[in-house]
C-alpha atoms as a PDB file:
ATOM      1  CA  MET A   1      44.730  64.395  91.819  1.00  0.00           C
ATOM      2  CA  VAL A   2      45.196  68.520  90.349  1.00  0.00           C
ATOM      3  CA  ALA A   3      43.072  68.605  87.575  1.00  0.00           C
ATOM      4  CA  VAL A   4      45.277  70.837  84.007  1.00  0.00           C
ATOM      5  CA  ALA A   5      42.689  72.538  82.166  1.00  0.00           C
ATOM      6  CA  HIS A   6      43.869  74.482  78.665  1.00  0.00           C
ATOM      7  CA  GLY A   7      41.533  78.182  80.651  1.00  0.00           C
ATOM      8  CA  SER A   8      40.351  81.165  79.428  1.00  0.00           C
ATOM      9  CA  ARG A   9      39.364  84.785  80.148  1.00  0.00           C
ATOM     10  CA  ASP A  10      35.519  83.873  79.870  1.00  0.00           C
ATOM     11  CA  PRO A  11      34.208  83.366  83.156  1.00  0.00           C
ATOM     12  CA  ARG A  12      31.952  79.883  82.097  1.00  0.00           C
ATOM     13  CA  ALA A  13      35.292  78.008  81.674  1.00  0.00           C
ATOM     14  CA  ALA A  14      36.174  77.878  84.859  1.00  0.00           C
ATOM     15  CA  ALA A  15      32.648  76.882  86.433  1.00  0.00           C
ATOM     16  CA  THR A  16      32.549  74.323  83.444  1.00  0.00           C
ATOM     17  CA  VAL A  17      35.803  73.136  84.808  1.00  0.00           C
ATOM     18  CA  ALA A  18      34.822  73.623  88.188  1.00  0.00           C
ATOM     19  CA  ALA A  19      31.617  71.175  87.724  1.00  0.00           C
ATOM     20  CA  LEU A  20      32.838  68.470  86.319  1.00  0.00           C
ATOM     21  CA  LEU A  21      35.245  68.153  89.190  1.00  0.00           C
ATOM     22  CA  ASP A  22      32.715  67.882  90.831  1.00  0.00           C
ATOM     23  CA  ALA A  23      31.234  64.539  89.324  1.00  0.00           C
ATOM     24  CA  VAL A  24      34.765  63.498  89.169  1.00  0.00           C
ATOM     25  CA  ARG A  25      34.528  63.895  93.999  1.00  0.00           C
ATOM     26  CA  ALA A  26      31.194  62.707  94.166  1.00  0.00           C
ATOM     27  CA  ARG A  27      32.965  59.098  91.992  1.00  0.00           C
ATOM     28  CA  ARG A  28      36.612  59.553  94.020  1.00  0.00           C
ATOM     29  CA  PRO A  29      35.495  60.978  97.637  1.00  0.00           C
ATOM     30  CA  ASP A  30      38.007  59.229  99.185  1.00  0.00           C
ATOM     31  CA  VAL A  31      40.696  61.732  96.559  1.00  0.00           C
ATOM     32  CA  PRO A  32      41.130  65.345  97.586  1.00  0.00           C
ATOM     33  CA  VAL A  33      41.029  66.783  93.792  1.00  0.00           C
ATOM     34  CA  HIS A  34      42.633  69.733  92.741  1.00  0.00           C
ATOM     35  CA  ALA A  35      41.797  72.006  90.471  1.00  0.00           C
ATOM     36  CA  SER A  36      44.273  74.228  87.969  1.00  0.00           C
ATOM     37  CA  PHE A  37      44.852  75.772  84.112  1.00  0.00           C
ATOM     38  CA  LEU A  38      47.897  76.633  82.615  1.00  0.00           C
ATOM     39  CA  ASP A  39      46.582  79.947  80.923  1.00  0.00           C
ATOM     40  CA  HIS A  40      44.036  82.813  81.478  1.00  0.00           C
ATOM     41  CA  ALA A  41      42.558  82.069  85.013  1.00  0.00           C
ATOM     42  CA  PRO A  42      44.219  80.849  87.852  1.00  0.00           C
ATOM     43  CA  PRO A  43      45.146  78.846  89.854  1.00  0.00           C
ATOM     44  CA  ALA A  44      48.444  77.370  87.627  1.00  0.00           C
ATOM     45  CA  PRO A  45      49.242  74.146  88.819  1.00  0.00           C
ATOM     46  CA  ASP A  46      52.815  75.015  89.860  1.00  0.00           C
ATOM     47  CA  ARG A  47      51.103  76.954  92.550  1.00  0.00           C
ATOM     48  CA  VAL A  48      48.913  73.741  93.347  1.00  0.00           C
ATOM     49  CA  LEU A  49      51.237  71.786  93.814  1.00  0.00           C
ATOM     50  CA  ASP A  50      53.495  74.629  96.082  1.00  0.00           C
ATOM     51  CA  GLY A  51      50.836  74.274  97.508  1.00  0.00           C
ATOM     52  CA  LEU A  52      51.026  70.778  98.087  1.00  0.00           C
ATOM     53  CA  ALA A  53      54.386  70.108  98.318  1.00  0.00           C
ATOM     54  CA  ARG A  54      54.169  72.751 101.770  1.00  0.00           C
ATOM     55  CA  ASP A  55      51.251  71.824 103.056  1.00  0.00           C
ATOM     56  CA  GLY A  56      53.285  68.520 103.684  1.00  0.00           C
ATOM     57  CA  ALA A  57      51.688  66.198 100.847  1.00  0.00           C
ATOM     58  CA  GLY A  58      54.613  62.739  99.300  1.00  0.00           C
ATOM     59  CA  GLU A  59      52.519  62.168  95.734  1.00  0.00           C
ATOM     60  CA  ALA A  60      50.580  64.177  93.572  1.00  0.00           C
ATOM     61  CA  VAL A  61      49.166  63.012  89.719  1.00  0.00           C
ATOM     62  CA  VAL A  62      49.368  65.776  87.814  1.00  0.00           C
ATOM     63  CA  LEU A  63      45.922  64.949  85.352  1.00  0.00           C
ATOM     64  CA  PRO A  64      45.873  66.964  82.036  1.00  0.00           C
ATOM     65  CA  LEU A  65      41.855  68.286  81.231  1.00  0.00           C
ATOM     66  CA  LEU A  66      42.768  68.330  77.571  1.00  0.00           C
ATOM     67  CA  LEU A  67      41.412  66.230  74.916  1.00  0.00           C
ATOM     68  CA  THR A  68      45.036  65.506  72.622  1.00  0.00           C
ATOM     69  CA  ALA A  69      47.935  65.300  73.111  1.00  0.00           C
ATOM     70  CA  ALA A  70      49.403  68.119  71.455  1.00  0.00           C
ATOM     71  CA  TYR A  71      51.742  70.999  72.767  1.00  0.00           C
ATOM     72  CA  HIS A  72      50.257  71.357  75.683  1.00  0.00           C
ATOM     73  CA  SER A  73      50.421  67.783  77.490  1.00  0.00           C
ATOM     74  CA  LYS A  74      53.470  67.248  75.496  1.00  0.00           C
ATOM     75  CA  THR A  75      55.755  71.067  76.412  1.00  0.00           C
ATOM     76  CA  ASP A  76      53.219  72.913  79.723  1.00  0.00           C
ATOM     77  CA  VAL A  77      53.185  70.071  81.354  1.00  0.00           C
ATOM     78  CA  PRO A  78      56.492  68.564  81.931  1.00  0.00           C
ATOM     79  CA  GLY A  79      57.749  72.652  82.204  1.00  0.00           C
ATOM     80  CA  VAL A  80      55.472  72.361  84.864  1.00  0.00           C
ATOM     81  CA  LEU A  81      56.421  69.181  86.556  1.00  0.00           C
ATOM     82  CA  ASP A  82      60.855  70.197  85.466  1.00  0.00           C
ATOM     83  CA  ARG A  83      59.651  73.218  87.496  1.00  0.00           C
ATOM     84  CA  VAL A  84      58.199  71.432  90.680  1.00  0.00           C
ATOM     85  CA  ARG A  85      60.277  68.845  91.231  1.00  0.00           C
ATOM     86  CA  ALA A  86      63.648  71.591  91.529  1.00  0.00           C
ATOM     87  CA  LEU A  87      61.422  72.758  94.008  1.00  0.00           C
ATOM     88  CA  HIS A  88      60.091  69.364  96.139  1.00  0.00           C
ATOM     89  CA  PRO A  89      62.578  67.094  95.380  1.00  0.00           C
ATOM     90  CA  ARG A  90      60.509  63.927  97.771  1.00  0.00           C
ATOM     91  CA  LEU A  91      57.258  65.258  96.306  1.00  0.00           C
ATOM     92  CA  ARG A  92      56.842  62.320  94.718  1.00  0.00           C
ATOM     93  CA  LEU A  93      54.677  63.098  90.566  1.00  0.00           C
ATOM     94  CA  ARG A  94      53.356  61.315  88.054  1.00  0.00           C
ATOM     95  CA  THR A  95      51.201  62.006  85.154  1.00  0.00           C
ATOM     96  CA  ALA A  96      47.997  60.704  83.526  1.00  0.00           C
ATOM     97  CA  GLU A  97      47.423  60.325  79.811  1.00  0.00           C
ATOM     98  CA  THR A  98      45.311  63.247  78.256  1.00  0.00           C
ATOM     99  CA  LEU A  99      41.875  62.732  78.245  1.00  0.00           C
ATOM    100  CA  GLY A 100      40.855  62.104  74.354  1.00  0.00           C
ATOM    101  CA  PRO A 101      41.415  59.717  72.107  1.00  0.00           C
ATOM    102  CA  HIS A 102      38.930  57.670  74.426  1.00  0.00           C
ATOM    103  CA  PRO A 103      35.776  55.868  73.455  1.00  0.00           C
ATOM    104  CA  LEU A 104      34.075  57.451  76.662  1.00  0.00           C
ATOM    105  CA  LEU A 105      35.028  60.728  74.487  1.00  0.00           C
ATOM    106  CA  MET A 106      32.495  59.443  71.587  1.00  0.00           C
ATOM    107  CA  ASP A 107      29.884  59.018  74.389  1.00  0.00           C
ATOM    108  CA  ALA A 108      29.697  61.809  75.746  1.00  0.00           C
ATOM    109  CA  LEU A 109      29.334  63.444  72.194  1.00  0.00           C
ATOM    110  CA  GLU A 110      26.815  61.608  71.216  1.00  0.00           C
ATOM    111  CA  ARG A 111      25.042  61.678  74.448  1.00  0.00           C
ATOM    112  CA  ARG A 112      25.763  65.777  73.606  1.00  0.00           C
ATOM    113  CA  LEU A 113      23.799  65.145  70.436  1.00  0.00           C
ATOM    114  CA  SER A 114      20.985  64.221  72.274  1.00  0.00           C
ATOM    115  CA  ASP A 115      20.725  66.915  74.665  1.00  0.00           C
ATOM    116  CA  ALA A 116      20.678  68.910  70.958  1.00  0.00           C
ATOM    117  CA  GLY A 117      17.870  66.638  69.253  1.00  0.00           C
ATOM    118  CA  VAL A 118      20.414  64.156  67.306  1.00  0.00           C
ATOM    119  CA  ALA A 119      19.671  60.843  67.308  1.00  0.00           C
ATOM    120  CA  PRO A 120      23.006  59.474  67.726  1.00  0.00           C
ATOM    121  CA  GLY A 121      23.819  57.237  64.669  1.00  0.00           C
ATOM    122  CA  ASP A 122      21.160  58.492  62.556  1.00  0.00           C
ATOM    123  CA  PRO A 123      21.607  57.446  58.872  1.00  0.00           C
ATOM    124  CA  ASP A 124      20.185  60.678  57.746  1.00  0.00           C
ATOM    125  CA  THR A 125      22.808  62.726  59.714  1.00  0.00           C
ATOM    126  CA  ALA A 126      27.044  63.580  58.465  1.00  0.00           C
ATOM    127  CA  VAL A 127      28.964  65.321  61.756  1.00  0.00           C
ATOM    128  CA  VAL A 128      31.413  67.408  61.598  1.00  0.00           C
ATOM    129  CA  LEU A 129      33.434  66.082  64.383  1.00  0.00           C
ATOM    130  CA  VAL A 130      35.437  69.627  65.056  1.00  0.00           C
ATOM    131  CA  SER A 131      38.085  70.537  67.725  1.00  0.00           C
ATOM    132  CA  ALA A 132      40.192  73.681  68.307  1.00  0.00           C
ATOM    133  CA  GLY A 133      43.102  72.499  66.080  1.00  0.00           C
ATOM    134  CA  SER A 134      46.456  72.222  66.713  1.00  0.00           C
ATOM    135  CA  SER A 135      49.940  72.967  65.467  1.00  0.00           C
ATOM    136  CA  ASP A 136      50.879  69.676  66.131  1.00  0.00           C
ATOM    137  CA  ALA A 137      50.065  68.064  62.947  1.00  0.00           C
ATOM    138  CA  SER A 138      49.893  64.453  65.541  1.00  0.00           C
ATOM    139  CA  ALA A 139      46.879  66.288  67.182  1.00  0.00           C
ATOM    140  CA  ASN A 140      44.953  66.969  64.217  1.00  0.00           C
ATOM    141  CA  ALA A 141      45.248  63.192  62.405  1.00  0.00           C
ATOM    142  CA  THR A 142      44.162  61.959  65.904  1.00  0.00           C
ATOM    143  CA  ILE A 143      40.948  64.079  65.450  1.00  0.00           C
ATOM    144  CA  ALA A 144      40.710  62.671  61.879  1.00  0.00           C
ATOM    145  CA  GLN A 145      40.621  58.730  63.065  1.00  0.00           C
ATOM    146  CA  LEU A 146      37.779  59.795  65.496  1.00  0.00           C
ATOM    147  CA  ALA A 147      35.734  60.637  62.449  1.00  0.00           C
ATOM    148  CA  ARG A 148      36.717  57.784  60.220  1.00  0.00           C
ATOM    149  CA  GLU A 149      35.846  55.652  63.846  1.00  0.00           C
ATOM    150  CA  TRP A 150      32.369  57.256  63.986  1.00  0.00           C
ATOM    151  CA  ARG A 151      31.248  56.584  60.589  1.00  0.00           C
ATOM    152  CA  SER A 152      30.982  52.855  61.973  1.00  0.00           C
ATOM    153  CA  ARG A 153      27.582  53.768  63.955  1.00  0.00           C
ATOM    154  CA  GLY A 154      25.836  54.445  61.467  1.00  0.00           C
ATOM    155  CA  TRP A 155      25.566  57.931  60.255  1.00  0.00           C
ATOM    156  CA  ARG A 156      25.909  58.724  56.979  1.00  0.00           C
ATOM    157  CA  ASP A 157      29.418  60.113  57.047  1.00  0.00           C
ATOM    158  CA  ALA A 158      31.688  62.078  59.327  1.00  0.00           C
ATOM    159  CA  VAL A 159      34.500  63.738  59.271  1.00  0.00           C
ATOM    160  CA  ALA A 160      37.209  66.042  61.475  1.00  0.00           C
ATOM    161  CA  ALA A 161      37.273  69.979  60.937  1.00  0.00           C
ATOM    162  CA  TYR A 162      38.879  72.387  62.992  1.00  0.00           C
ATOM    163  CA  ALA A 163      38.672  75.644  64.500  1.00  0.00           C
ATOM    164  CA  SER A 164      42.464  76.974  63.776  1.00  0.00           C
ATOM    165  CA  ALA A 165      45.451  76.103  62.509  1.00  0.00           C
ATOM    166  CA  ALA A 166      44.141  73.778  59.943  1.00  0.00           C
ATOM    167  CA  GLY A 167      41.761  72.636  57.587  1.00  0.00           C
ATOM    168  CA  PRO A 168      38.566  72.061  56.911  1.00  0.00           C
ATOM    169  CA  LYS A 169      37.406  74.469  58.134  1.00  0.00           C
ATOM    170  CA  PRO A 170      34.113  73.801  60.422  1.00  0.00           C
ATOM    171  CA  GLY A 171      31.264  75.882  57.579  1.00  0.00           C
ATOM    172  CA  GLU A 172      33.378  74.395  54.928  1.00  0.00           C
ATOM    173  CA  ALA A 173      33.261  70.957  55.855  1.00  0.00           C
ATOM    174  CA  VAL A 174      29.207  71.252  56.944  1.00  0.00           C
ATOM    175  CA  ALA A 175      28.845  72.973  53.057  1.00  0.00           C
ATOM    176  CA  ALA A 176      30.720  70.299  51.544  1.00  0.00           C
ATOM    177  CA  LEU A 177      28.746  67.237  53.272  1.00  0.00           C
ATOM    178  CA  LEU A 178      24.891  69.383  52.328  1.00  0.00           C
ATOM    179  CA  ASP A 179      26.293  69.476  48.892  1.00  0.00           C
ATOM    180  CA  ALA A 180      27.437  65.973  49.314  1.00  0.00           C
ATOM    181  CA  GLY A 181      23.430  65.067  49.552  1.00  0.00           C
ATOM    182  CA  ALA A 182      23.133  65.106  53.347  1.00  0.00           C
ATOM    183  CA  PRO A 183      19.967  65.304  54.340  1.00  0.00           C
ATOM    184  CA  ARG A 184      20.953  67.064  57.890  1.00  0.00           C
ATOM    185  CA  VAL A 185      25.023  68.242  59.018  1.00  0.00           C
ATOM    186  CA  ALA A 186      25.189  68.008  62.180  1.00  0.00           C
ATOM    187  CA  VAL A 187      27.963  69.352  64.848  1.00  0.00           C
ATOM    188  CA  ALA A 188      30.010  67.843  67.057  1.00  0.00           C
ATOM    189  CA  SER A 189      31.584  70.288  69.520  1.00  0.00           C
ATOM    190  CA  TYR A 190      34.946  68.644  71.021  1.00  0.00           C
ATOM    191  CA  PHE A 191      35.056  71.204  73.588  1.00  0.00           C
ATOM    192  CA  LEU A 192      35.650  70.866  77.161  1.00  0.00           C
ATOM    193  CA  ALA A 193      35.122  73.909  78.103  1.00  0.00           C
ATOM    194  CA  PRO A 194      32.620  77.151  76.437  1.00  0.00           C
ATOM    195  CA  GLY A 195      34.447  79.744  75.140  1.00  0.00           C
ATOM    196  CA  TYR A 196      35.923  81.293  71.802  1.00  0.00           C
ATOM    197  CA  PHE A 197      36.497  78.463  69.787  1.00  0.00           C
ATOM    198  CA  ALA A 198      32.492  77.426  70.767  1.00  0.00           C
ATOM    199  CA  ASP A 199      31.673  79.916  70.014  1.00  0.00           C
ATOM    200  CA  LYS A 200      32.586  80.706  66.950  1.00  0.00           C
ATOM    201  CA  VAL A 201      31.743  77.237  65.545  1.00  0.00           C
ATOM    202  CA  ARG A 202      28.386  77.273  66.524  1.00  0.00           C
ATOM    203  CA  ALA A 203      28.084  80.910  64.591  1.00  0.00           C
ATOM    204  CA  GLU A 204      29.952  79.867  61.352  1.00  0.00           C
ATOM    205  CA  THR A 205      28.262  76.631  61.089  1.00  0.00           C
ATOM    206  CA  LEU A 206      25.302  77.432  62.078  1.00  0.00           C
ATOM    207  CA  ALA A 207      25.553  79.906  59.090  1.00  0.00           C
ATOM    208  CA  ALA A 208      26.385  77.649  56.316  1.00  0.00           C
ATOM    209  CA  GLY A 209      23.802  75.145  57.143  1.00  0.00           C
ATOM    210  CA  ALA A 210      24.356  73.144  59.709  1.00  0.00           C
ATOM    211  CA  ALA A 211      21.043  71.782  61.242  1.00  0.00           C
ATOM    212  CA  ALA A 212      22.201  71.493  65.130  1.00  0.00           C
ATOM    213  CA  VAL A 213      25.744  72.203  67.144  1.00  0.00           C
ATOM    214  CA  SER A 214      26.284  70.555  70.456  1.00  0.00           C
ATOM    215  CA  PRO A 215      27.059  71.379  73.805  1.00  0.00           C
ATOM    216  CA  VAL A 216      30.406  71.092  75.246  1.00  0.00           C
ATOM    217  CA  LEU A 217      31.434  68.231  76.320  1.00  0.00           C
ATOM    218  CA  GLY A 218      31.739  70.275  80.082  1.00  0.00           C
ATOM    219  CA  ALA A 219      30.367  67.651  82.985  1.00  0.00           C
ATOM    220  CA  ALA A 220      28.531  65.023  81.200  1.00  0.00           C
ATOM    221  CA  PRO A 221      29.166  61.312  83.048  1.00  0.00           C
ATOM    222  CA  GLU A 222      31.734  59.941  80.755  1.00  0.00           C
ATOM    223  CA  VAL A 223      34.024  62.502  81.146  1.00  0.00           C
ATOM    224  CA  ALA A 224      33.652  62.479  85.068  1.00  0.00           C
ATOM    225  CA  ASP A 225      34.564  59.128  84.684  1.00  0.00           C
ATOM    226  CA  LEU A 226      36.870  59.117  81.950  1.00  0.00           C
ATOM    227  CA  VAL A 227      39.027  61.494  84.347  1.00  0.00           C
ATOM    228  CA  VAL A 228      38.850  58.776  87.765  1.00  0.00           C
ATOM    229  CA  ARG A 229      40.231  56.240  84.983  1.00  0.00           C
ATOM    230  CA  ARG A 230      43.639  57.686  83.728  1.00  0.00           C
ATOM    231  CA  TYR A 231      44.091  59.095  87.444  1.00  0.00           C
ATOM    232  CA  ASP A 232      44.067  55.167  87.948  1.00  0.00           C
ATOM    233  CA  GLU A 233      45.850  54.453  85.227  1.00  0.00           C
ATOM    234  CA  ALA A 234      48.323  56.533  86.539  1.00  0.00           C
ATOM    235  CA  LEU A 235      48.501  55.508  89.935  1.00  0.00           C
ATOM    236  CA  GLU A 236      48.640  51.530  88.654  1.00  0.00           C
ATOM    237  CA  ASN A 237      51.046  53.033  86.004  1.00  0.00           C
ATOM    238  CA  ALA A 238      53.488  53.759  88.753  1.00  0.00           C
ATOM    239  CA  ARG A 239      53.103  51.627  90.856  1.00  0.00           C
ATOM    240  CA  ARG A 240      54.175  48.136  88.166  1.00  0.00           C
ATOM    241  CA  ALA A 241      57.023  50.452  87.921  1.00  0.00           C
ATOM    242  CA  THR A 242      58.291  50.713  91.150  1.00  0.00           C
ATOM    243  CA  ALA A 243      57.462  46.816  91.229  1.00  0.00           C
ATOM    244  CA  VAL A 244      60.164  45.777  88.522  1.00  0.00           C
END
């Protein structure tokens, strides 16, 4: 497994990815697991895959540690695969789906809200689901749909907000819910790892009146379980394609 994370200049991000992959290894000790990053931190996925091929690996599953399908999964990761295939045509590359959307991530979000002192499904609490935001409208629409689905879990309300590239902004969403009469607003951080956006969202939403802001998803057990599931799905899909 070659896990591909976004990458950050913030050293907490790489440490969080390392902790998540340690949890994955504990679940699947039979699988060699390698970390890689698209930007800002080594090693690049091209380099990891090149090294595996030179060491004699015949197959690798490239698994995007990305919470929504957007530019990185649609453009950057396929570009990596194309470059590696050109260098190592005998290396069989399988691509797993992005982590989200998936119900396990919603469970992980509620775990992190609990860590912040927010009871899951509290009818007096409205939730703002905050993602990084994307220039890809379909990615933002996915987050909005997740928020709508989350309302059925008992919350007073659930809305989406975006740290960049789209609106509403997190602070605006918190203020709007409070103005609409929500007794309490909590912010669910839909980020895999800490960094600039997670810090910005925390500061902005607390200033706007949020009662709590959840930690990033990180190495939550549900996230580690989902990584393993995506890996197994990629291999199963490859087997089915071969059998046809």
